[in-house]
């Protein structure tokens, strides 16, 4: 990193560089899944630029990954309309712009396409706050505590948003004819 954190200490700069090296790929993957690889490049850069800007205020006793997911989620909010449009377009066309590079045989692709299109529509119908909690849980694999930390909300809010999001997605999938709820990333067994 060319610009060290504002306090100028080499320890702070080295700590930020270490966090960047350890967390960039994880944050980028999460953003890529939400908005596609091309936009994720920009959003990941924005996320770490913001992290660098506020680094001096970062409480070093906190875990850095949830903090960075919080910044990434806030950055995504500015691009929320793009994500929602992408989910609606995916539902209409059946072409997932995020997973276009994945190689599947035709039968797998057709099955996955139908299920994924229904899921995309269900996700697009969620309020942004519910979608953020659900995707931080399912795609970023954060704990309730980490999500609360990332979004600066109480853990009870995380639990209620996640519960509402799951119920809405289940209802939407049932209404659209999907019966394989267990194949969806709405719950994990370790909770």
Foldseek 3Di string as FASTA:
>chain_A
DPDAAPVPDPVRRVVLVVCCVVALVLQLVLVCLQQHNVVSVVLSVVLSVVCSPCVVVDDVVDDVNLQSLLSSLVSVVVVVVNSLVLLQVCLVPLDNRSCNVDDDPPVVSVVCSNVSSLLSVLLSPADSVLSSLQSCCQPSVDDLVSNCVSNVHDSVVSVVSLVVSLVSSVVSCVVVPDDPSVVDSSDDPVD
